[in-house]
Amino acid sequence: MSNKLPPETMIYQIRIKGHLGPRWTDWFGGLTLTLEDNGDTLITGPVADQAALHGLLKKVRDLGMPLLSVNGVSPGKEMPQRTNKE
């Protein structure tokens, strides 16, 4: 079985203010939840298309937690890291 993603699939990083527990992984379709030291949660993983991305953003909205950023990364490329220069 191949681990390759369809060509239109993008990897997204969605950063929200506040920590989510591990139980939220299923709600976000198995995307990776990373709890950062600064109190943010980074939701990372493949998103099939723009409709799926909008669905994820609606879930973030429904949480009532502030959305800090959304970054798309082409599959196979290193994901950008947050800097403290913001």
PDB file of N, CA and C in Angstrom:
ATOM      1  N   MET A   1       0.839  -1.180   0.000  1.00  0.00           N
ATOM      2  CA  MET A   1       0.000   0.000   0.000  1.00  0.00           C
ATOM      3  C   MET A   1       0.883   1.242   0.000  1.00  0.00           C
ATOM      4  N   SER A   2       0.561   2.210  -0.814  1.00  0.00           N
ATOM      5  CA  SER A   2       1.352   3.422  -0.960  1.00  0.00           C
ATOM      6  C   SER A   2       0.923   4.474   0.063  1.00  0.00           C
ATOM      7  N   ASN A   3       1.894   5.241   0.553  1.00  0.00           N
ATOM      8  CA  ASN A   3       1.617   6.345   1.469  1.00  0.00           C
ATOM      9  C   ASN A   3       1.482   7.664   0.735  1.00  0.00           C
ATOM     10  N   LYS A   4       1.482   7.632  -0.591  1.00  0.00           N
ATOM     11  CA  LYS A   4       1.390   8.867  -1.364  1.00  0.00           C
ATOM     12  C   LYS A   4      -0.016   9.438  -1.285  1.00  0.00           C
ATOM     13  N   LEU A   5      -0.079  10.770  -1.226  1.00  0.00           N
ATOM     14  CA  LEU A   5      -1.352  11.482  -1.185  1.00  0.00           C
ATOM     15  C   LEU A   5      -1.757  11.866  -2.598  1.00  0.00           C
ATOM     16  N   PRO A   6      -3.055  11.981  -2.862  1.00  0.00           N
ATOM     17  CA  PRO A   6      -3.484  12.478  -4.171  1.00  0.00           C
ATOM     18  C   PRO A   6      -2.860  13.849  -4.449  1.00  0.00           C
ATOM     19  N   PRO A   7      -2.609  14.187  -5.705  1.00  0.00           N
ATOM     20  CA  PRO A   7      -1.897  15.430  -6.027  1.00  0.00           C
ATOM     21  C   PRO A   7      -2.574  16.696  -5.496  1.00  0.00           C
ATOM     22  N   GLU A   8      -3.890  16.709  -5.383  1.00  0.00           N
ATOM     23  CA  GLU A   8      -4.581  17.910  -4.912  1.00  0.00           C
ATOM     24  C   GLU A   8      -4.590  18.041  -3.385  1.00  0.00           C
ATOM     25  N   THR A   9      -4.117  17.012  -2.688  1.00  0.00           N
ATOM     26  CA  THR A   9      -4.095  17.029  -1.229  1.00  0.00           C
ATOM     27  C   THR A   9      -2.982  17.943  -0.730  1.00  0.00           C
ATOM     28  N   MET A  10      -3.331  18.791   0.234  1.00  0.00           N
ATOM     29  CA  MET A  10      -2.350  19.670   0.869  1.00  0.00           C
ATOM     30  C   MET A  10      -2.245  19.288   2.333  1.00  0.00           C
ATOM     31  N   ILE A  11      -1.095  19.545   2.906  1.00  0.00           N
ATOM     32  CA  ILE A  11      -0.908  19.430   4.344  1.00  0.00           C
ATOM     33  C   ILE A  11      -1.192  20.809   4.923  1.00  0.00           C
ATOM     34  N   TYR A  12      -2.030  20.856   5.954  1.00  0.00           N
ATOM     35  CA  TYR A  12      -2.351  22.134   6.593  1.00  0.00           C
ATOM     36  C   TYR A  12      -1.956  22.115   8.054  1.00  0.00           C
ATOM     37  N   GLN A  13      -1.558  23.283   8.529  1.00  0.00           N
ATOM     38  CA  GLN A  13      -1.323  23.527   9.942  1.00  0.00           C
ATOM     39  C   GLN A  13      -2.333  24.589  10.362  1.00  0.00           C
ATOM     40  N   ILE A  14      -3.172  24.239  11.324  1.00  0.00           N
ATOM     41  CA  ILE A  14      -4.166  25.167  11.854  1.00  0.00           C
ATOM     42  C   ILE A  14      -3.808  25.402  13.316  1.00  0.00           C
ATOM     43  N   ARG A  15      -3.523  26.658  13.642  1.00  0.00           N
ATOM     44  CA  ARG A  15      -3.107  26.999  15.007  1.00  0.00           C
ATOM     45  C   ARG A  15      -4.255  27.704  15.723  1.00  0.00           C
ATOM     46  N   ILE A  16      -4.582  27.205  16.927  1.00  0.00           N
ATOM     47  CA  ILE A  16      -5.627  27.828  17.732  1.00  0.00           C
ATOM     48  C   ILE A  16      -5.070  28.166  19.118  1.00  0.00           C
ATOM     49  N   LYS A  17      -5.676  29.159  19.733  1.00  0.00           N
ATOM     50  CA  LYS A  17      -5.254  29.571  21.070  1.00  0.00           C
ATOM     51  C   LYS A  17      -5.940  28.677  22.098  1.00  0.00           C
ATOM     52  N   GLY A  18      -5.147  28.041  22.937  1.00  0.00           N
ATOM     53  CA  GLY A  18      -5.662  27.128  23.953  1.00  0.00           C
ATOM     54  C   GLY A  18      -5.295  25.690  23.623  1.00  0.00           C
ATOM     55  N   HIS A  19      -5.332  24.853  24.631  1.00  0.00           N
ATOM     56  CA  HIS A  19      -4.994  23.433  24.461  1.00  0.00           C
ATOM     57  C   HIS A  19      -6.247  22.584  24.323  1.00  0.00           C
ATOM     58  N   LEU A  20      -6.182  21.624  23.411  1.00  0.00           N
ATOM     59  CA  LEU A  20      -7.224  20.606  23.248  1.00  0.00           C
ATOM     60  C   LEU A  20      -6.661  19.283  23.768  1.00  0.00           C
ATOM     61  N   GLY A  21      -7.511  18.504  24.389  1.00  0.00           N
ATOM     62  CA  GLY A  21      -7.097  17.191  24.870  1.00  0.00           C
ATOM     63  C   GLY A  21      -7.061  16.180  23.741  1.00  0.00           C
ATOM     64  N   PRO A  22      -6.464  15.001  23.992  1.00  0.00           N
ATOM     65  CA  PRO A  22      -6.326  13.968  22.965  1.00  0.00           C
ATOM     66  C   PRO A  22      -7.665  13.445  22.441  1.00  0.00           C
ATOM     67  N   ARG A  23      -8.724  13.580  23.206  1.00  0.00           N
ATOM     68  CA  ARG A  23     -10.037  13.090  22.753  1.00  0.00           C
ATOM     69  C   ARG A  23     -10.533  13.827  21.510  1.00  0.00           C
ATOM     70  N   TRP A  24      -9.973  14.995  21.227  1.00  0.00           N
ATOM     71  CA  TRP A  24     -10.400  15.783  20.064  1.00  0.00           C
ATOM     72  C   TRP A  24      -9.814  15.267  18.754  1.00  0.00           C
ATOM     73  N   THR A  25      -8.838  14.365  18.813  1.00  0.00           N
ATOM     74  CA  THR A  25      -8.221  13.842  17.590  1.00  0.00           C
ATOM     75  C   THR A  25      -9.262  13.212  16.671  1.00  0.00           C
ATOM     76  N   ASP A  26     -10.162  12.405  17.218  1.00  0.00           N
ATOM     77  CA  ASP A  26     -11.196  11.772  16.399  1.00  0.00           C
ATOM     78  C   ASP A  26     -12.120  12.811  15.767  1.00  0.00           C
ATOM     79  N   TRP A  27     -12.444  13.862  16.517  1.00  0.00           N
ATOM     80  CA  TRP A  27     -13.340  14.906  16.012  1.00  0.00           C
ATOM     81  C   TRP A  27     -12.722  15.626  14.817  1.00  0.00           C
ATOM     82  N   PHE A  28     -11.395  15.707  14.803  1.00  0.00           N
ATOM     83  CA  PHE A  28     -10.683  16.339  13.692  1.00  0.00           C
ATOM     84  C   PHE A  28     -10.202  15.312  12.672  1.00  0.00           C
ATOM     85  N   GLY A  29     -10.887  14.200  12.580  1.00  0.00           N
ATOM     86  CA  GLY A  29     -10.612  13.217  11.534  1.00  0.00           C
ATOM     87  C   GLY A  29      -9.242  12.592  11.602  1.00  0.00           C
ATOM     88  N   GLY A  30      -8.684  12.457  12.789  1.00  0.00           N
ATOM     89  CA  GLY A  30      -7.388  11.808  12.931  1.00  0.00           C
ATOM     90  C   GLY A  30      -6.196  12.706  12.658  1.00  0.00           C
ATOM     91  N   LEU A  31      -6.413  14.011  12.456  1.00  0.00           N
ATOM     92  CA  LEU A  31      -5.283  14.918  12.274  1.00  0.00           C
ATOM     93  C   LEU A  31      -4.470  14.960  13.564  1.00  0.00           C
ATOM     94  N   THR A  32      -3.218  15.342  13.455  1.00  0.00           N
ATOM     95  CA  THR A  32      -2.327  15.389  14.598  1.00  0.00           C
ATOM     96  C   THR A  32      -2.565  16.661  15.401  1.00  0.00           C
ATOM     97  N   LEU A  33      -2.742  16.514  16.714  1.00  0.00           N
ATOM     98  CA  LEU A  33      -2.879  17.661  17.617  1.00  0.00           C
ATOM     99  C   LEU A  33      -1.588  17.777  18.417  1.00  0.00           C
ATOM    100  N   THR A  34      -0.946  18.930  18.329  1.00  0.00           N
ATOM    101  CA  THR A  34       0.280  19.183  19.069  1.00  0.00           C
ATOM    102  C   THR A  34       0.024  20.317  20.044  1.00  0.00           C
ATOM    103  N   LEU A  35       0.237  20.040  21.332  1.00  0.00           N
ATOM    104  CA  LEU A  35       0.074  21.055  22.365  1.00  0.00           C
ATOM    105  C   LEU A  35       1.411  21.765  22.536  1.00  0.00           C
ATOM    106  N   GLU A  36       1.416  23.065  22.282  1.00  0.00           N
ATOM    107  CA  GLU A  36       2.661  23.817  22.337  1.00  0.00           C
ATOM    108  C   GLU A  36       2.856  24.446  23.713  1.00  0.00           C
ATOM    109  N   ASP A  37       4.099  24.704  24.046  1.00  0.00           N
ATOM    110  CA  ASP A  37       4.440  25.260  25.354  1.00  0.00           C
ATOM    111  C   ASP A  37       3.802  26.619  25.610  1.00  0.00           C
ATOM    112  N   ASN A  38       3.518  27.365  24.553  1.00  0.00           N
ATOM    113  CA  ASN A  38       2.946  28.708  24.705  1.00  0.00           C
ATOM    114  C   ASN A  38       1.430  28.680  24.921  1.00  0.00           C
ATOM    115  N   GLY A  39       0.845  27.474  24.986  1.00  0.00           N
ATOM    116  CA  GLY A  39      -0.590  27.356  25.232  1.00  0.00           C
ATOM    117  C   GLY A  39      -1.425  27.160  23.986  1.00  0.00           C
ATOM    118  N   ASP A  40      -0.814  27.186  22.806  1.00  0.00           N
ATOM    119  CA  ASP A  40      -1.536  26.979  21.548  1.00  0.00           C
ATOM    120  C   ASP A  40      -1.636  25.493  21.228  1.00  0.00           C
ATOM    121  N   THR A  41      -2.596  25.157  20.359  1.00  0.00           N
ATOM    122  CA  THR A  41      -2.703  23.816  19.792  1.00  0.00           C
ATOM    123  C   THR A  41      -2.478  23.925  18.294  1.00  0.00           C
ATOM    124  N   LEU A  42      -1.639  23.055  17.749  1.00  0.00           N
ATOM    125  CA  LEU A  42      -1.378  22.990  16.319  1.00  0.00           C
ATOM    126  C   LEU A  42      -2.044  21.730  15.789  1.00  0.00           C
ATOM    127  N   ILE A  43      -2.974  21.909  14.847  1.00  0.00           N
ATOM    128  CA  ILE A  43      -3.686  20.797  14.210  1.00  0.00           C
ATOM    129  C   ILE A  43      -3.060  20.624  12.833  1.00  0.00           C
ATOM    130  N   THR A  44      -2.490  19.452  12.564  1.00  0.00           N
ATOM    131  CA  THR A  44      -1.712  19.249  11.340  1.00  0.00           C
ATOM    132  C   THR A  44      -2.134  17.964  10.640  1.00  0.00           C
ATOM    133  N   GLY A  45      -2.200  18.047   9.302  1.00  0.00           N
ATOM    134  CA  GLY A  45      -2.455  16.842   8.536  1.00  0.00           C
ATOM    135  C   GLY A  45      -2.943  17.128   7.136  1.00  0.00           C
ATOM    136  N   PRO A  46      -3.151  16.060   6.367  1.00  0.00           N
ATOM    137  CA  PRO A  46      -3.599  16.204   4.992  1.00  0.00           C
ATOM    138  C   PRO A  46      -5.069  16.599   4.917  1.00  0.00           C
ATOM    139  N   VAL A  47      -5.369  17.499   3.980  1.00  0.00           N
ATOM    140  CA  VAL A  47      -6.740  17.951   3.741  1.00  0.00           C
ATOM    141  C   VAL A  47      -6.992  17.780   2.243  1.00  0.00           C
ATOM    142  N   ALA A  48      -8.042  17.050   1.910  1.00  0.00           N
ATOM    143  CA  ALA A  48      -8.292  16.648   0.518  1.00  0.00           C
ATOM    144  C   ALA A  48      -8.521  17.820  -0.428  1.00  0.00           C
ATOM    145  N   ASP A  49      -9.286  18.823   0.021  1.00  0.00           N
ATOM    146  CA  ASP A  49      -9.621  19.932  -0.878  1.00  0.00           C
ATOM    147  C   ASP A  49     -10.126  21.115  -0.054  1.00  0.00           C
ATOM    148  N   GLN A  50     -10.508  22.181  -0.749  1.00  0.00           N
ATOM    149  CA  GLN A  50     -10.968  23.389  -0.067  1.00  0.00           C
ATOM    150  C   GLN A  50     -12.243  23.157   0.735  1.00  0.00           C
ATOM    151  N   ALA A  51     -13.124  22.316   0.252  1.00  0.00           N
ATOM    152  CA  ALA A  51     -14.362  22.013   0.988  1.00  0.00           C
ATOM    153  C   ALA A  51     -14.026  21.357   2.326  1.00  0.00           C
ATOM    154  N   ALA A  52     -13.066  20.437   2.331  1.00  0.00           N
ATOM    155  CA  ALA A  52     -12.650  19.780   3.569  1.00  0.00           C
ATOM    156  C   ALA A  52     -11.986  20.778   4.520  1.00  0.00           C
ATOM    157  N   LEU A  53     -11.196  21.700   3.965  1.00  0.00           N
ATOM    158  CA  LEU A  53     -10.561  22.726   4.790  1.00  0.00           C
ATOM    159  C   LEU A  53     -11.617  23.604   5.460  1.00  0.00           C
ATOM    160  N   HIS A  54     -12.621  24.004   4.701  1.00  0.00           N
ATOM    161  CA  HIS A  54     -13.697  24.827   5.272  1.00  0.00           C
ATOM    162  C   HIS A  54     -14.449  24.062   6.363  1.00  0.00           C
ATOM    163  N   GLY A  55     -14.604  22.758   6.186  1.00  0.00           N
ATOM    164  CA  GLY A  55     -15.230  21.935   7.210  1.00  0.00           C
ATOM    165  C   GLY A  55     -14.414  21.932   8.497  1.00  0.00           C
ATOM    166  N   LEU A  56     -13.083  21.837   8.373  1.00  0.00           N
ATOM    167  CA  LEU A  56     -12.220  21.888   9.554  1.00  0.00           C
ATOM    168  C   LEU A  56     -12.308  23.244  10.243  1.00  0.00           C
ATOM    169  N   LEU A  57     -12.346  24.306   9.441  1.00  0.00           N
ATOM    170  CA  LEU A  57     -12.426  25.645  10.020  1.00  0.00           C
ATOM    171  C   LEU A  57     -13.758  25.868  10.735  1.00  0.00           C
ATOM    172  N   LYS A  58     -14.816  25.241  10.239  1.00  0.00           N
ATOM    173  CA  LYS A  58     -16.109  25.321  10.934  1.00  0.00           C
ATOM    174  C   LYS A  58     -16.024  24.622  12.292  1.00  0.00           C
ATOM    175  N   LYS A  59     -15.295  23.509  12.347  1.00  0.00           N
ATOM    176  CA  LYS A  59     -15.123  22.811  13.616  1.00  0.00           C
ATOM    177  C   LYS A  59     -14.360  23.683  14.613  1.00  0.00           C
ATOM    178  N   VAL A  60     -13.328  24.371  14.122  1.00  0.00           N
ATOM    179  CA  VAL A  60     -12.574  25.286  14.985  1.00  0.00           C
ATOM    180  C   VAL A  60     -13.501  26.389  15.484  1.00  0.00           C
ATOM    181  N   ARG A  61     -14.311  26.944  14.608  1.00  0.00           N
ATOM    182  CA  ARG A  61     -15.269  27.979  14.994  1.00  0.00           C
ATOM    183  C   ARG A  61     -16.206  27.460  16.081  1.00  0.00           C
ATOM    184  N   ASP A  62     -16.688  26.236  15.908  1.00  0.00           N
ATOM    185  CA  ASP A  62     -17.632  25.655  16.857  1.00  0.00           C
ATOM    186  C   ASP A  62     -17.013  25.415  18.236  1.00  0.00           C
ATOM    187  N   LEU A  63     -15.684  25.298  18.294  1.00  0.00           N
ATOM    188  CA  LEU A  63     -15.007  25.141  19.570  1.00  0.00           C
ATOM    189  C   LEU A  63     -15.074  26.429  20.399  1.00  0.00           C
ATOM    190  N   GLY A  64     -15.170  27.564  19.712  1.00  0.00           N
ATOM    191  CA  GLY A  64     -15.172  28.848  20.400  1.00  0.00           C
ATOM    192  C   GLY A  64     -13.787  29.292  20.834  1.00  0.00           C
ATOM    193  N   MET A  65     -12.758  28.681  20.241  1.00  0.00           N
ATOM    194  CA  MET A  65     -11.382  29.045  20.564  1.00  0.00           C
ATOM    195  C   MET A  65     -10.835  29.900  19.428  1.00  0.00           C
ATOM    196  N   PRO A  66     -10.044  30.925  19.749  1.00  0.00           N
ATOM    197  CA  PRO A  66      -9.526  31.810  18.700  1.00  0.00           C
ATOM    198  C   PRO A  66      -8.640  31.085  17.690  1.00  0.00           C
ATOM    199  N   LEU A  67      -8.911  31.328  16.411  1.00  0.00           N
ATOM    200  CA  LEU A  67      -8.080  30.832  15.312  1.00  0.00           C
ATOM    201  C   LEU A  67      -6.914  31.799  15.150  1.00  0.00           C
ATOM    202  N   LEU A  68      -5.690  31.281  15.208  1.00  0.00           N
ATOM    203  CA  LEU A  68      -4.506  32.128  15.099  1.00  0.00           C
ATOM    204  C   LEU A  68      -3.908  32.130  13.706  1.00  0.00           C
ATOM    205  N   SER A  69      -3.898  30.960  13.045  1.00  0.00           N
ATOM    206  CA  SER A  69      -3.316  30.910  11.701  1.00  0.00           C
ATOM    207  C   SER A  69      -3.714  29.628  10.983  1.00  0.00           C
ATOM    208  N   VAL A  70      -3.640  29.694   9.652  1.00  0.00           N
ATOM    209  CA  VAL A  70      -3.842  28.537   8.783  1.00  0.00           C
ATOM    210  C   VAL A  70      -2.735  28.591   7.741  1.00  0.00           C
ATOM    211  N   ASN A  71      -1.928  27.526   7.667  1.00  0.00           N
ATOM    212  CA  ASN A  71      -0.827  27.474   6.702  1.00  0.00           C
ATOM    213  C   ASN A  71      -0.915  26.194   5.894  1.00  0.00           C
ATOM    214  N   GLY A  72      -0.821  26.324   4.570  1.00  0.00           N
ATOM    215  CA  GLY A  72      -0.786  25.169   3.684  1.00  0.00           C
ATOM    216  C   GLY A  72       0.639  24.857   3.272  1.00  0.00           C
ATOM    217  N   VAL A  73       0.966  23.568   3.243  1.00  0.00           N
ATOM    218  CA  VAL A  73       2.299  23.116   2.869  1.00  0.00           C
ATOM    219  C   VAL A  73       2.141  22.001   1.851  1.00  0.00           C
ATOM    220  N   SER A  74       2.882  22.051   0.773  1.00  0.00           N
ATOM    221  CA  SER A  74       2.826  20.977  -0.216  1.00  0.00           C
ATOM    222  C   SER A  74       3.323  19.684   0.409  1.00  0.00           C
ATOM    223  N   PRO A  75       2.673  18.551   0.119  1.00  0.00           N
ATOM    224  CA  PRO A  75       3.142  17.272   0.656  1.00  0.00           C
ATOM    225  C   PRO A  75       4.600  17.018   0.273  1.00  0.00           C
ATOM    226  N   GLY A  76       5.343  16.457   1.203  1.00  0.00           N
ATOM    227  CA  GLY A  76       6.743  16.140   0.935  1.00  0.00           C
ATOM    228  C   GLY A  76       7.691  17.276   1.243  1.00  0.00           C
ATOM    229  N   LYS A  77       7.167  18.473   1.531  1.00  0.00           N
ATOM    230  CA  LYS A  77       8.022  19.592   1.888  1.00  0.00           C
ATOM    231  C   LYS A  77       7.975  19.784   3.393  1.00  0.00           C
ATOM    232  N   GLU A  78       9.056  20.321   3.910  1.00  0.00           N
ATOM    233  CA  GLU A  78       9.115  20.562   5.346  1.00  0.00           C
ATOM    234  C   GLU A  78       8.109  21.636   5.738  1.00  0.00           C
ATOM    235  N   MET A  79       7.425  21.426   6.857  1.00  0.00           N
ATOM    236  CA  MET A  79       6.427  22.384   7.307  1.00  0.00           C
ATOM    237  C   MET A  79       7.096  23.586   7.955  1.00  0.00           C
ATOM    238  N   PRO A  80       6.540  24.791   7.728  1.00  0.00           N
ATOM    239  CA  PRO A  80       7.138  25.988   8.323  1.00  0.00           C
ATOM    240  C   PRO A  80       7.006  25.960   9.836  1.00  0.00           C
ATOM    241  N   GLN A  81       7.988  26.506  10.488  1.00  0.00           N
ATOM    242  CA  GLN A  81       7.967  26.587  11.937  1.00  0.00           C
ATOM    243  C   GLN A  81       7.610  28.010  12.342  1.00  0.00           C
ATOM    244  N   ARG A  82       6.927  28.114  13.446  1.00  0.00           N
ATOM    245  CA  ARG A  82       6.545  29.424  13.967  1.00  0.00           C
ATOM    246  C   ARG A  82       7.769  30.106  14.527  1.00  0.00           C
ATOM    247  N   THR A  83       7.872  31.397  14.285  1.00  0.00           N
ATOM    248  CA  THR A  83       8.980  32.152  14.830  1.00  0.00           C
ATOM    249  C   THR A  83       8.452  33.095  15.895  1.00  0.00           C
ATOM    250  N   ASN A  84       9.338  33.585  16.723  1.00  0.00           N
ATOM    251  CA  ASN A  84       8.960  34.528  17.769  1.00  0.00           C
ATOM    252  C   ASN A  84       9.060  35.974  17.284  1.00  0.00           C
ATOM    253  N   LYS A  85       9.210  36.190  15.997  1.00  0.00           N
ATOM    254  CA  LYS A  85       9.361  37.529  15.440  1.00  0.00           C
ATOM    255  C   LYS A  85       8.032  38.151  15.057  1.00  0.00           C
ATOM    256  N   GLU A  86       6.915  37.536  15.448  1.00  0.00           N
ATOM    257  CA  GLU A  86       5.599  38.034  15.064  1.00  0.00           C
ATOM    258  C   GLU A  86       5.213  39.258  15.857  1.00  0.00           C
TER     259      GLU A  86
END
